[in-house]
Amino acid sequence: MKASKLFIPVIILLFLTSCKSTDKKNNPEQWTDEQVATWFNQKEWLGQTALQVDSSLDKREFAIQYHKYKDRWDKAFDFLKGRFGSCTGRQSSTG
């Protein structure tokens, strides 16, 4: 009987702990500098563009804003890709 009384609080505690660790994993505000650099250098956020990022960019702030507004950033990168082709700053010559 005692074990069953402890079972539910332990399950709740495990659930809350797992939710907190998942939140930290998805929250760049809590990432280490190394985690920010790894995320940034993987460039998955660029999609299929060949955008060149200026060295003055605050990578942590960009990661925070990208995760807060991912759908908007993805649309912006899609727009740039459609507008400039490979996003290198040169317009495609289609006529």
C-alpha atoms as a PDB file:
ATOM      1  CA  MET A   1       0.000   0.000   0.000  1.00  0.00           C
ATOM      2  CA  LYS A   2       2.862   2.390   0.841  1.00  0.00           C
ATOM      3  CA  ALA A   3       4.505   1.810  -2.520  1.00  0.00           C
ATOM      4  CA  SER A   4       1.345   2.749  -4.393  1.00  0.00           C
ATOM      5  CA  LYS A   5       1.130   6.043  -2.471  1.00  0.00           C
ATOM      6  CA  LEU A   6       4.646   6.932  -3.609  1.00  0.00           C
ATOM      7  CA  PHE A   7       4.094   5.874  -7.198  1.00  0.00           C
ATOM      8  CA  ILE A   8       1.967   8.836  -8.304  1.00  0.00           C
ATOM      9  CA  PRO A   9       4.188  11.583  -6.805  1.00  0.00           C
ATOM     10  CA  VAL A  10       7.279   9.948  -8.332  1.00  0.00           C
ATOM     11  CA  ILE A  11       5.619   9.805 -11.765  1.00  0.00           C
ATOM     12  CA  ILE A  12       4.576  13.453 -11.495  1.00  0.00           C
ATOM     13  CA  LEU A  13       8.094  14.457 -10.469  1.00  0.00           C
ATOM     14  CA  LEU A  14       9.620  12.554 -13.392  1.00  0.00           C
ATOM     15  CA  PHE A  15       7.154  14.140 -15.797  1.00  0.00           C
ATOM     16  CA  LEU A  16       7.891  17.666 -14.571  1.00  0.00           C
ATOM     17  CA  THR A  17      11.642  17.061 -14.707  1.00  0.00           C
ATOM     18  CA  SER A  18      11.493  15.766 -18.257  1.00  0.00           C
ATOM     19  CA  CYS A  19       9.416  18.759 -19.362  1.00  0.00           C
ATOM     20  CA  LYS A  20      11.934  21.168 -17.870  1.00  0.00           C
ATOM     21  CA  SER A  21      14.900  19.541 -19.592  1.00  0.00           C
ATOM     22  CA  THR A  22      13.061  19.577 -22.921  1.00  0.00           C
ATOM     23  CA  ASP A  23      12.319  23.277 -22.444  1.00  0.00           C
ATOM     24  CA  LYS A  24      16.000  24.044 -21.846  1.00  0.00           C
ATOM     25  CA  LYS A  25      16.963  22.102 -24.969  1.00  0.00           C
ATOM     26  CA  ASN A  26      14.636  24.273 -27.085  1.00  0.00           C
ATOM     27  CA  ASN A  27      15.389  27.581 -25.361  1.00  0.00           C
ATOM     28  CA  PRO A  28      18.513  29.326 -26.713  1.00  0.00           C
ATOM     29  CA  GLU A  29      18.421  31.753 -23.781  1.00  0.00           C
ATOM     30  CA  GLN A  30      19.617  28.862 -21.611  1.00  0.00           C
ATOM     31  CA  TRP A  31      22.151  27.388 -24.047  1.00  0.00           C
ATOM     32  CA  THR A  32      25.883  27.502 -23.496  1.00  0.00           C
ATOM     33  CA  ASP A  33      28.004  29.469 -25.968  1.00  0.00           C
ATOM     34  CA  GLU A  34      29.098  26.145 -27.449  1.00  0.00           C
ATOM     35  CA  GLN A  35      25.473  25.051 -27.998  1.00  0.00           C
ATOM     36  CA  VAL A  36      24.672  28.367 -29.694  1.00  0.00           C
ATOM     37  CA  ALA A  37      27.725  28.043 -31.956  1.00  0.00           C
ATOM     38  CA  THR A  38      26.868  24.449 -32.842  1.00  0.00           C
ATOM     39  CA  TRP A  39      23.271  25.331 -33.718  1.00  0.00           C
ATOM     40  CA  PHE A  40      24.382  28.338 -35.754  1.00  0.00           C
ATOM     41  CA  ASN A  41      27.141  26.523 -37.638  1.00  0.00           C
ATOM     42  CA  GLN A  42      24.834  23.666 -38.637  1.00  0.00           C
ATOM     43  CA  LYS A  43      22.879  26.278 -40.614  1.00  0.00           C
ATOM     44  CA  GLU A  44      19.677  24.219 -40.692  1.00  0.00           C
ATOM     45  CA  TRP A  45      17.867  27.510 -40.125  1.00  0.00           C
ATOM     46  CA  LEU A  46      18.994  28.671 -43.589  1.00  0.00           C
ATOM     47  CA  GLY A  47      16.989  26.008 -45.356  1.00  0.00           C
ATOM     48  CA  GLN A  48      18.158  25.699 -48.944  1.00  0.00           C
ATOM     49  CA  THR A  49      19.673  29.189 -49.193  1.00  0.00           C
ATOM     50  CA  ALA A  50      23.347  30.049 -49.548  1.00  0.00           C
ATOM     51  CA  LEU A  51      23.065  33.188 -47.429  1.00  0.00           C
ATOM     52  CA  GLN A  52      26.333  34.606 -46.110  1.00  0.00           C
ATOM     53  CA  VAL A  53      25.974  35.971 -42.595  1.00  0.00           C
ATOM     54  CA  ASP A  54      27.847  39.067 -41.470  1.00  0.00           C
ATOM     55  CA  SER A  55      30.372  38.421 -38.701  1.00  0.00           C
ATOM     56  CA  SER A  56      28.812  41.158 -36.525  1.00  0.00           C
ATOM     57  CA  LEU A  57      25.639  39.090 -36.040  1.00  0.00           C
ATOM     58  CA  ASP A  58      24.869  38.295 -32.383  1.00  0.00           C
ATOM     59  CA  LYS A  59      24.428  34.536 -32.751  1.00  0.00           C
ATOM     60  CA  ARG A  60      22.728  34.056 -29.383  1.00  0.00           C
ATOM     61  CA  GLU A  61      20.188  36.814 -30.014  1.00  0.00           C
ATOM     62  CA  PHE A  62      19.541  35.485 -33.497  1.00  0.00           C
ATOM     63  CA  ALA A  63      18.990  31.964 -32.110  1.00  0.00           C
ATOM     64  CA  ILE A  64      16.548  33.346 -29.522  1.00  0.00           C
ATOM     65  CA  GLN A  65      14.601  35.342 -32.106  1.00  0.00           C
ATOM     66  CA  TYR A  66      14.646  32.495 -34.629  1.00  0.00           C
ATOM     67  CA  HIS A  67      13.181  30.057 -32.113  1.00  0.00           C
ATOM     68  CA  LYS A  68      10.539  32.547 -30.985  1.00  0.00           C
ATOM     69  CA  TYR A  69       9.429  33.363 -34.537  1.00  0.00           C
ATOM     70  CA  LYS A  70      10.595  30.355 -36.576  1.00  0.00           C
ATOM     71  CA  ASP A  71       7.703  30.487 -39.048  1.00  0.00           C
ATOM     72  CA  ARG A  72       8.392  34.153 -39.826  1.00  0.00           C
ATOM     73  CA  TRP A  73      12.131  33.632 -40.287  1.00  0.00           C
ATOM     74  CA  ASP A  74      11.520  30.635 -42.549  1.00  0.00           C
ATOM     75  CA  LYS A  75       9.175  32.729 -44.696  1.00  0.00           C
ATOM     76  CA  ALA A  76      11.746  35.518 -44.870  1.00  0.00           C
ATOM     77  CA  PHE A  77      14.477  33.109 -45.992  1.00  0.00           C
ATOM     78  CA  ASP A  78      12.095  31.574 -48.552  1.00  0.00           C
ATOM     79  CA  PHE A  79      11.347  35.074 -49.870  1.00  0.00           C
ATOM     80  CA  LEU A  80      15.036  35.887 -50.172  1.00  0.00           C
ATOM     81  CA  LYS A  81      15.686  32.601 -51.917  1.00  0.00           C
ATOM     82  CA  GLY A  82      12.896  33.303 -54.414  1.00  0.00           C
ATOM     83  CA  ARG A  83      14.014  36.897 -54.911  1.00  0.00           C
ATOM     84  CA  PHE A  84      17.752  36.401 -55.134  1.00  0.00           C
ATOM     85  CA  GLY A  85      18.059  32.789 -56.208  1.00  0.00           C
ATOM     86  CA  SER A  86      20.843  31.420 -54.096  1.00  0.00           C
ATOM     87  CA  CYS A  87      20.700  34.382 -51.664  1.00  0.00           C
ATOM     88  CA  THR A  88      24.211  35.537 -52.426  1.00  0.00           C
ATOM     89  CA  GLY A  89      23.046  39.074 -53.135  1.00  0.00           C
ATOM     90  CA  ARG A  90      22.791  38.694 -56.893  1.00  0.00           C
ATOM     91  CA  GLN A  91      19.448  38.633 -58.623  1.00  0.00           C
ATOM     92  CA  SER A  92      18.790  35.734 -60.905  1.00  0.00           C
ATOM     93  CA  SER A  93      18.847  36.649 -64.597  1.00  0.00           C
ATOM     94  CA  THR A  94      15.516  35.355 -65.850  1.00  0.00           C
ATOM     95  CA  GLY A  95      14.929  37.759 -68.630  1.00  0.00           C
END
